[in-house]
C-alpha atoms as a PDB file:
ATOM      1  CA  MET A   1      73.542 140.830  83.519  1.00  0.00           C
ATOM      2  CA  VAL A   2      72.459 138.140  81.357  1.00  0.00           C
ATOM      3  CA  ILE A   3      74.580 138.638  79.336  1.00  0.00           C
ATOM      4  CA  ILE A   4      77.813 139.079  80.878  1.00  0.00           C
ATOM      5  CA  ILE A   5      77.002 135.888  82.818  1.00  0.00           C
ATOM      6  CA  GLY A   6      76.237 134.438  79.070  1.00  0.00           C
ATOM      7  CA  ILE A   7      79.645 136.028  78.167  1.00  0.00           C
ATOM      8  CA  LEU A   8      81.517 134.306  80.842  1.00  0.00           C
ATOM      9  CA  MET A   9      79.854 131.465  80.383  1.00  0.00           C
ATOM     10  CA  GLY A  10      81.576 130.860  76.941  1.00  0.00           C
ATOM     11  CA  ILE A  11      84.470 131.745  77.662  1.00  0.00           C
ATOM     12  CA  ALA A  12      84.261 128.729  81.332  1.00  0.00           C
ATOM     13  CA  VAL A  13      82.200 125.458  79.461  1.00  0.00           C
ATOM     14  CA  PRO A  14      85.137 125.173  76.578  1.00  0.00           C
ATOM     15  CA  VAL A  15      88.156 126.039  79.143  1.00  0.00           C
ATOM     16  CA  TYR A  16      86.668 123.013  81.523  1.00  0.00           C
ATOM     17  CA  LEU A  17      86.377 120.576  78.254  1.00  0.00           C
ATOM     18  CA  ASN A  18      89.697 121.077  77.317  1.00  0.00           C
ATOM     19  CA  GLN A  19      90.826 120.425  80.168  1.00  0.00           C
ATOM     20  CA  ARG A  20      88.734 117.503  80.829  1.00  0.00           C
ATOM     21  CA  VAL A  21      89.949 116.271  77.629  1.00  0.00           C
ATOM     22  CA  GLY A  22      93.374 116.871  79.218  1.00  0.00           C
ATOM     23  CA  ALA A  23      92.879 114.693  81.717  1.00  0.00           C
ATOM     24  CA  GLN A  24      91.941 111.952  80.327  1.00  0.00           C
ATOM     25  CA  ASP A  25      94.723 111.607  77.823  1.00  0.00           C
ATOM     26  CA  ALA A  26      97.080 111.886  81.393  1.00  0.00           C
ATOM     27  CA  ALA A  27      95.260 109.544  82.753  1.00  0.00           C
ATOM     28  CA  ALA A  28      95.848 106.914  79.945  1.00  0.00           C
ATOM     29  CA  LYS A  29      98.995 107.839  78.857  1.00  0.00           C
ATOM     30  CA  ALA A  30     100.479 106.995  82.513  1.00  0.00           C
ATOM     31  CA  ASN A  31      98.605 103.552  82.484  1.00  0.00           C
ATOM     32  CA  LEU A  32     100.471 102.658  79.241  1.00  0.00           C
ATOM     33  CA  ARG A  33     104.194 104.242  80.419  1.00  0.00           C
ATOM     34  CA  GLN A  34     103.148 101.752  83.669  1.00  0.00           C
ATOM     35  CA  ALA A  35     102.800  98.899  81.159  1.00  0.00           C
ATOM     36  CA  ALA A  36     105.546  98.987  79.178  1.00  0.00           C
ATOM     37  CA  THR A  37     108.065 100.181  82.450  1.00  0.00           C
ATOM     38  CA  ALA A  38     106.255  96.318  83.681  1.00  0.00           C
ATOM     39  CA  GLU A  39     106.864  94.721  80.693  1.00  0.00           C
ATOM     40  CA  GLN A  40     110.333  95.556  79.931  1.00  0.00           C
ATOM     41  CA  ALA A  41     110.803  94.643  83.735  1.00  0.00           C
ATOM     42  CA  PHE A  42     109.194  90.921  83.489  1.00  0.00           C
ATOM     43  CA  ARG A  43     111.633  90.684  80.116  1.00  0.00           C
ATOM     44  CA  THR A  44     114.552  91.543  82.062  1.00  0.00           C
ATOM     45  CA  ALA A  45     113.543  88.595  84.697  1.00  0.00           C
ATOM     46  CA  ASN A  46     112.219  86.551  81.789  1.00  0.00           C
ATOM     47  CA  ASP A  47     113.977  86.891  78.593  1.00  0.00           C
ATOM     48  CA  ALA A  48     110.643  87.450  76.382  1.00  0.00           C
ATOM     49  CA  TYR A  49     107.389  90.162  77.158  1.00  0.00           C
ATOM     50  CA  THR A  50     103.843  88.265  77.432  1.00  0.00           C
ATOM     51  CA  ASP A  51     100.770  89.519  76.181  1.00  0.00           C
ATOM     52  CA  ASN A  52      98.730  87.368  79.053  1.00  0.00           C
ATOM     53  CA  VAL A  53      96.654  90.315  80.975  1.00  0.00           C
ATOM     54  CA  GLY A  54      95.036  86.985  82.599  1.00  0.00           C
ATOM     55  CA  ASN A  55      94.160  86.840  86.076  1.00  0.00           C
ATOM     56  CA  PRO A  56      96.797  87.255  87.845  1.00  0.00           C
ATOM     57  CA  PRO A  57      98.596  88.621  85.381  1.00  0.00           C
ATOM     58  CA  PRO A  58     101.910  88.504  84.930  1.00  0.00           C
ATOM     59  CA  LEU A  59     102.928  91.406  84.938  1.00  0.00           C
ATOM     60  CA  ARG A  60     100.941  93.006  88.423  1.00  0.00           C
ATOM     61  CA  ALA A  61     104.303  91.437  90.181  1.00  0.00           C
ATOM     62  CA  PHE A  62     106.655  94.061  88.145  1.00  0.00           C
ATOM     63  CA  GLY A  63     104.155  96.809  89.480  1.00  0.00           C
ATOM     64  CA  PHE A  64     101.035  96.863  86.637  1.00  0.00           C
ATOM     65  CA  ASN A  65      97.605  96.791  87.593  1.00  0.00           C
ATOM     66  CA  GLN A  66      95.197  96.856  84.698  1.00  0.00           C
ATOM     67  CA  GLY A  67      92.879 100.140  84.765  1.00  0.00           C
ATOM     68  CA  VAL A  68      90.668 102.209  82.718  1.00  0.00           C
ATOM     69  CA  PRO A  69      90.932 102.899  80.404  1.00  0.00           C
ATOM     70  CA  ALA A  70      92.331  99.466  79.707  1.00  0.00           C
ATOM     71  CA  VAL A  71      95.666  98.059  78.457  1.00  0.00           C
ATOM     72  CA  ASN A  72      96.265  96.277  74.881  1.00  0.00           C
ATOM     73  CA  PHE A  73      98.789  94.141  74.546  1.00  0.00           C
ATOM     74  CA  ALA A  74      99.490  93.623  70.616  1.00  0.00           C
ATOM     75  CA  ASN A  75     102.322  91.552  68.184  1.00  0.00           C
ATOM     76  CA  VAL A  76     103.635  90.551  71.694  1.00  0.00           C
ATOM     77  CA  THR A  77     106.692  88.304  70.661  1.00  0.00           C
ATOM     78  CA  GLY A  78     109.923  87.279  72.611  1.00  0.00           C
ATOM     79  CA  THR A  79     111.582  90.671  72.264  1.00  0.00           C
ATOM     80  CA  THR A  80     108.941  92.819  70.988  1.00  0.00           C
ATOM     81  CA  PHE A  81     105.914  94.238  71.774  1.00  0.00           C
ATOM     82  CA  CYS A  82     103.050  97.107  71.330  1.00  0.00           C
ATOM     83  CA  ALA A  83     101.124  98.863  73.904  1.00  0.00           C
ATOM     84  CA  SER A  84      97.860 100.602  72.981  1.00  0.00           C
ATOM     85  CA  VAL A  85      95.236 102.519  74.960  1.00  0.00           C
ATOM     86  CA  THR A  86      92.236 104.492  73.700  1.00  0.00           C
ATOM     87  CA  SER A  87      91.278 106.762  76.941  1.00  0.00           C
ATOM     88  CA  GLN A  88      88.140 108.396  77.189  1.00  0.00           C
ATOM     89  CA  SER A  89      88.403 110.742  75.045  1.00  0.00           C
ATOM     90  CA  ASN A  90      88.919 108.003  72.538  1.00  0.00           C
ATOM     91  CA  ALA A  91      92.308 109.365  71.706  1.00  0.00           C
ATOM     92  CA  VAL A  92      94.172 106.183  70.408  1.00  0.00           C
ATOM     93  CA  PHE A  93      97.769 105.936  72.519  1.00  0.00           C
ATOM     94  CA  HIS A  94     100.834 103.377  71.762  1.00  0.00           C
ATOM     95  CA  MET A  95     104.002 102.306  72.767  1.00  0.00           C
ATOM     96  CA  ASN A  96     106.486  99.656  71.907  1.00  0.00           C
ATOM     97  CA  GLN A  97     110.119  98.009  72.869  1.00  0.00           C
ATOM     98  CA  ASP A  98     111.816 100.831  71.623  1.00  0.00           C
ATOM     99  CA  ASP A  99     109.275 104.250  72.905  1.00  0.00           C
ATOM    100  CA  GLY A 100     110.222 106.095  75.313  1.00  0.00           C
ATOM    101  CA  VAL A 101     106.715 108.144  76.326  1.00  0.00           C
ATOM    102  CA  PRO A 102     103.600 107.349  74.713  1.00  0.00           C
ATOM    103  CA  VAL A 103     102.590 107.546  70.969  1.00  0.00           C
ATOM    104  CA  ASN A 104      99.756 109.261  69.036  1.00  0.00           C
ATOM    105  CA  GLY A 105      97.692 106.780  67.198  1.00  0.00           C
ATOM    106  CA  PRO A 106      97.471 102.643  67.420  1.00  0.00           C
ATOM    107  CA  CYS A 107     100.008 100.194  67.132  1.00  0.00           C
ATOM    108  CA  PRO A 108     101.520  99.648  63.716  1.00  0.00           C
END
């Protein structure tokens, strides 16, 4: 009986941990996509991108509320931006003005 429970635990625990990591990465990517969409909307309205995530953040008016994990903006100019996020699983993703989806790795 103990052996059967041990075998089942040996199967269930890794599956659970992989599901947890996947959920953490999905949450980070969703926050990153929301930030990138808000940046594009901000540029449409203001003819430039912003890296200001102050209080109140200008991107809030365009649908972005800084969440967990936090999105960071780098390399922001009037015509370019790069946003990055580190998920709770420590995976790093980024998006810039040309990306349609989150890309693995930090901002270049």
